[in-house]
Amino acid sequence: MTDNLELSHQKKREFQPQRLSAPRDFMMPEVLSKDEVSLVLEIGAGKGKHALSFAQQNPDKHLIAIERTRNKFDAFAKLAAQQNSNNLDAIHADAIAWIVHAIAPNSIDSIFILYPNPEQHNPNQQWLNMPFFEFLLSRLKVGGEVILATNIDAYMDNAEQQAHEVWCIPNRRRKVKSDSQRTHFEVKYLARQETCWQLTMSKPKGYRTRFDNWAIGNP
């Protein structure tokens, strides 16, 4: 696996986290200073439907849910304040810069990327096509999972191929159940009887990235 990953690096330019400034008004959530906490990330939380439900259903896990778009985040933050779950942090920021400055290597149990922008006119911005995905994998614990969902067949086909050929990580693809309601997009797509896909990618023991020991202040 290591040999395959090294070969894949020849196809990808290296992500450069040292070039990213911290997001405006950046603050480190208190939970990140605690030991023995099961941490979960959600990238692109939208108005928070999945995040709010997940926090209620998983009191033993702490979810950090990141949303960049102001109007979506404002709606999410209002609902999060009403729910007042002590195991949920709603973050308004660009996810890439925030993760670089906040998340330590080998510290996250699972990462949700549910119905991201398909970037059909700019496929280099699809998550598994980005050099940043290597950095994201370095933040994941051994045995941790990245869970990607989309209703775009071509997006899922590419993600599955990249998981196999570039990132060399075990993965499984399945159809999302027709009664699933994790996000507003998922509800809408399934109501139209569209097929929604989920790709679950697992980080195996012995997996190596170029960022396994990289952290702010200790590059």
Protein backbone atom coordinates (compact mmCIF):
# COMPACT_ATOMS: atom_id res chain seq x y z
CA MET A 1 0.00 0.00 0.00
CA THR A 2 2.83 2.41 0.84
CA ASP A 3 4.37 1.86 -2.60
CA ASN A 4 1.06 2.59 -4.28
CA LEU A 5 0.58 5.74 -2.26
CA GLU A 6 4.06 6.96 -3.14
CA LEU A 7 3.29 6.40 -6.82
CA SER A 8 0.07 8.35 -6.46
CA HIS A 9 2.00 11.31 -5.13
CA GLN A 10 3.74 11.62 -8.47
CA LYS A 11 0.34 12.37 -10.00
CA LYS A 12 -0.67 14.97 -7.41
CA ARG A 13 0.94 18.26 -6.54
CA GLU A 14 1.64 18.43 -2.83
CA PHE A 15 -0.75 20.33 -0.62
CA GLN A 16 0.96 23.26 1.12
CA PRO A 17 -0.74 23.90 4.48
CA GLN A 18 1.91 26.40 5.58
CA ARG A 19 0.55 28.87 3.04
CA LEU A 20 -2.92 29.05 4.55
CA SER A 21 -3.76 31.81 7.01
CA ALA A 22 -6.14 31.13 9.86
CA PRO A 23 -9.78 32.00 9.12
CA ARG A 24 -11.04 35.38 10.34
CA ASP A 25 -11.97 35.37 14.05
CA PHE A 26 -10.46 31.90 14.38
CA MET A 27 -10.95 30.30 17.79
CA MET A 28 -10.02 26.78 18.83
CA PRO A 29 -13.01 24.85 20.22
CA GLU A 30 -12.48 23.80 23.81
CA VAL A 31 -13.17 20.18 22.97
CA LEU A 32 -9.91 19.97 20.98
CA SER A 33 -7.91 20.40 24.18
CA LYS A 34 -9.56 17.40 25.81
CA ASP A 35 -8.32 13.83 25.75
CA GLU A 36 -10.36 10.71 25.06
CA VAL A 37 -13.08 12.48 23.10
CA SER A 38 -14.55 10.83 20.01
CA LEU A 39 -14.33 13.62 17.41
CA VAL A 40 -16.36 13.79 14.21
CA LEU A 41 -16.12 16.39 11.43
CA GLU A 42 -18.76 17.50 8.97
CA ILE A 43 -17.60 19.55 6.00
CA GLY A 44 -20.32 21.63 4.35
CA ALA A 45 -22.96 21.37 7.05
CA GLY A 46 -25.46 23.61 5.23
CA LYS A 47 -28.36 24.58 7.50
CA GLY A 48 -27.38 21.87 9.94
CA LYS A 49 -30.04 19.19 9.46
CA HIS A 50 -27.57 16.31 9.68
CA ALA A 51 -25.40 17.93 12.35
CA LEU A 52 -28.29 18.63 14.71
CA SER A 53 -29.70 15.13 14.33
CA PHE A 54 -26.29 13.48 14.69
CA ALA A 55 -25.53 15.38 17.90
CA GLN A 56 -28.82 14.26 19.44
CA GLN A 57 -28.44 10.65 18.38
CA ASN A 58 -24.76 10.30 19.36
CA PRO A 59 -24.23 11.85 22.80
CA ASP A 60 -20.96 9.94 23.15
CA LYS A 61 -19.43 11.74 20.13
CA HIS A 62 -18.53 15.40 19.60
CA LEU A 63 -19.34 16.83 16.18
CA ILE A 64 -17.58 19.84 14.68
CA ALA A 65 -19.73 20.98 11.75
CA ILE A 66 -18.26 23.55 9.33
CA GLU A 67 -20.20 25.71 6.89
CA ARG A 68 -18.71 28.48 4.74
CA THR A 69 -21.81 30.18 3.28
CA ARG A 70 -23.06 32.95 5.59
CA ASN A 71 -26.84 32.59 5.14
CA LYS A 72 -26.72 28.81 5.57
CA PHE A 73 -24.49 29.09 8.62
CA ASP A 74 -26.72 31.72 10.24
CA ALA A 75 -29.72 29.40 9.90
CA PHE A 76 -27.66 26.51 11.30
CA ALA A 77 -26.28 28.56 14.21
CA LYS A 78 -29.78 29.69 15.22
CA LEU A 79 -31.06 26.11 15.32
CA ALA A 80 -27.93 24.91 17.13
CA ALA A 81 -28.44 27.56 19.82
CA GLN A 82 -32.05 26.44 20.28
CA GLN A 83 -31.06 22.78 20.52
CA ASN A 84 -28.14 23.62 22.84
CA SER A 85 -26.31 20.31 22.42
CA ASN A 86 -23.06 20.33 24.37
CA ASN A 87 -21.52 17.88 21.88
CA LEU A 88 -21.86 20.13 18.81
CA ASP A 89 -19.72 23.03 17.59
CA ALA A 90 -21.06 25.00 14.61
CA ILE A 91 -18.17 26.69 12.77
CA HIS A 92 -18.44 29.45 10.14
CA ALA A 93 -15.26 29.16 8.07
CA ASP A 94 -13.61 27.80 4.99
CA ALA A 95 -13.18 24.15 5.94
CA ILE A 96 -9.71 23.69 4.45
CA ALA A 97 -8.08 26.59 6.28
CA TRP A 98 -9.94 25.80 9.50
CA ILE A 99 -8.91 22.14 9.51
CA VAL A 100 -5.27 23.05 8.84
CA HIS A 101 -5.19 25.39 11.84
CA ALA A 102 -7.35 23.42 14.26
CA ILE A 103 -7.14 19.66 13.75
CA ALA A 104 -4.21 17.56 14.93
CA PRO A 105 -2.94 14.50 13.06
CA ASN A 106 -4.61 11.18 13.82
CA SER A 107 -7.39 12.73 15.92
CA ILE A 108 -10.70 12.36 14.03
CA ASP A 109 -12.92 9.27 14.13
CA SER A 110 -15.05 10.08 11.09
CA ILE A 111 -15.61 12.80 8.50
CA PHE A 112 -18.91 13.50 6.72
CA ILE A 113 -18.98 15.18 3.31
CA LEU A 114 -22.65 15.02 2.39
CA TYR A 115 -23.79 16.28 -1.03
CA PRO A 116 -20.90 18.62 -1.79
CA ASN A 117 -20.96 21.01 -4.74
CA PRO A 118 -20.37 18.66 -7.71
CA GLU A 119 -18.00 21.19 -9.33
CA GLN A 120 -18.95 19.83 -12.75
CA HIS A 121 -17.15 22.69 -14.53
CA ASN A 122 -14.09 22.50 -12.28
CA PRO A 123 -13.47 18.85 -11.36
CA ASN A 124 -10.14 19.73 -9.73
CA GLN A 125 -12.24 21.11 -6.88
CA GLN A 126 -13.95 17.79 -6.19
CA TRP A 127 -12.78 16.58 -2.80
CA LEU A 128 -10.95 13.40 -3.85
CA ASN A 129 -9.28 15.23 -6.75
CA MET A 130 -7.74 17.82 -4.43
CA PRO A 131 -4.24 17.59 -2.93
CA PHE A 132 -5.89 18.59 0.36
CA PHE A 133 -7.49 15.16 0.57
CA GLU A 134 -4.10 13.71 1.58
CA PHE A 135 -3.94 16.21 4.45
CA LEU A 136 -7.50 15.29 5.45
CA LEU A 137 -6.55 11.62 5.62
CA SER A 138 -3.64 12.51 7.91
CA ARG A 139 -6.13 13.97 10.44
CA LEU A 140 -8.12 10.71 10.50
CA LYS A 141 -7.42 8.02 13.08
CA VAL A 142 -6.49 4.53 11.95
CA GLY A 143 -9.79 2.77 11.32
CA GLY A 144 -11.56 6.10 10.89
CA GLU A 145 -13.90 6.75 7.98
CA VAL A 146 -14.64 9.41 5.41
CA ILE A 147 -18.31 9.25 4.38
CA LEU A 148 -19.14 10.93 1.08
CA ALA A 149 -22.67 11.16 -0.36
CA THR A 150 -23.87 12.53 -3.71
CA ASN A 151 -26.70 12.16 -6.21
CA ILE A 152 -24.34 12.76 -9.15
CA ASP A 153 -23.32 9.44 -10.71
CA ALA A 154 -20.21 10.88 -12.38
CA TYR A 155 -19.05 12.44 -9.11
CA MET A 156 -19.41 9.13 -7.30
CA ASP A 157 -17.76 7.17 -10.12
CA ASN A 158 -14.76 9.48 -9.98
CA ALA A 159 -14.58 9.42 -6.17
CA GLU A 160 -14.62 5.63 -6.14
CA GLN A 161 -11.88 5.50 -8.78
CA GLN A 162 -9.72 8.03 -6.91
CA ALA A 163 -10.16 6.13 -3.65
CA HIS A 164 -8.89 2.98 -5.34
CA GLU A 165 -6.20 4.28 -7.68
CA VAL A 166 -4.81 7.42 -6.07
CA TRP A 167 -5.45 7.24 -2.34
CA CYS A 168 -5.31 3.45 -2.11
CA ILE A 169 -7.81 3.19 0.74
CA PRO A 170 -10.42 0.51 1.34
CA ASN A 171 -13.87 1.73 0.33
CA ARG A 172 -17.39 0.53 -0.23
CA ARG A 173 -20.12 2.08 -2.35
CA ARG A 174 -23.83 1.65 -1.71
CA LYS A 175 -27.16 3.23 -2.53
CA VAL A 176 -28.65 5.49 0.13
CA LYS A 177 -31.92 4.10 1.48
CA SER A 178 -35.02 5.74 0.02
CA ASP A 179 -36.27 6.86 3.45
CA SER A 180 -33.01 8.50 4.53
CA GLN A 181 -33.33 12.15 5.59
CA ARG A 182 -29.86 13.25 6.65
CA THR A 183 -29.79 16.56 4.76
CA HIS A 184 -32.25 18.83 2.99
CA PHE A 185 -30.62 17.90 -0.31
CA GLU A 186 -30.98 14.20 0.42
CA VAL A 187 -34.67 14.60 1.21
CA LYS A 188 -35.22 16.54 -2.02
CA TYR A 189 -33.30 14.14 -4.26
CA LEU A 190 -34.92 11.00 -2.84
CA ALA A 191 -38.38 12.59 -3.13
CA ARG A 192 -37.64 12.95 -6.86
CA GLN A 193 -36.75 9.23 -6.86
CA GLU A 194 -33.17 10.02 -7.79
CA THR A 195 -30.47 7.55 -6.82
CA CYS A 196 -28.22 8.83 -4.05
CA TRP A 197 -24.87 7.19 -3.45
CA GLN A 198 -22.63 6.84 -0.42
CA LEU A 199 -18.93 5.99 -0.48
CA THR A 200 -17.42 4.98 2.86
CA MET A 201 -13.61 5.08 2.92
CA SER A 202 -11.57 3.61 5.77
CA LYS A 203 -8.03 4.44 6.85
CA PRO A 204 -6.11 1.18 7.28
CA LYS A 205 -3.38 0.38 9.77
CA GLY A 206 0.05 1.39 8.48
CA TYR A 207 -1.32 4.06 6.12
CA ARG A 208 1.11 6.91 5.57
CA THR A 209 0.80 10.47 4.30
CA ARG A 210 3.30 13.31 4.04
CA PHE A 211 1.47 15.16 6.81
CA ASP A 212 1.35 12.57 9.57
CA ASN A 213 3.54 14.73 11.82
CA TRP A 214 2.55 18.14 10.45
CA ALA A 215 0.78 20.62 12.72
CA ILE A 216 0.69 24.40 13.08
CA GLY A 217 3.88 25.42 14.86
CA ASN A 218 5.50 22.05 14.11
CA PRO A 219 5.65 21.74 10.31
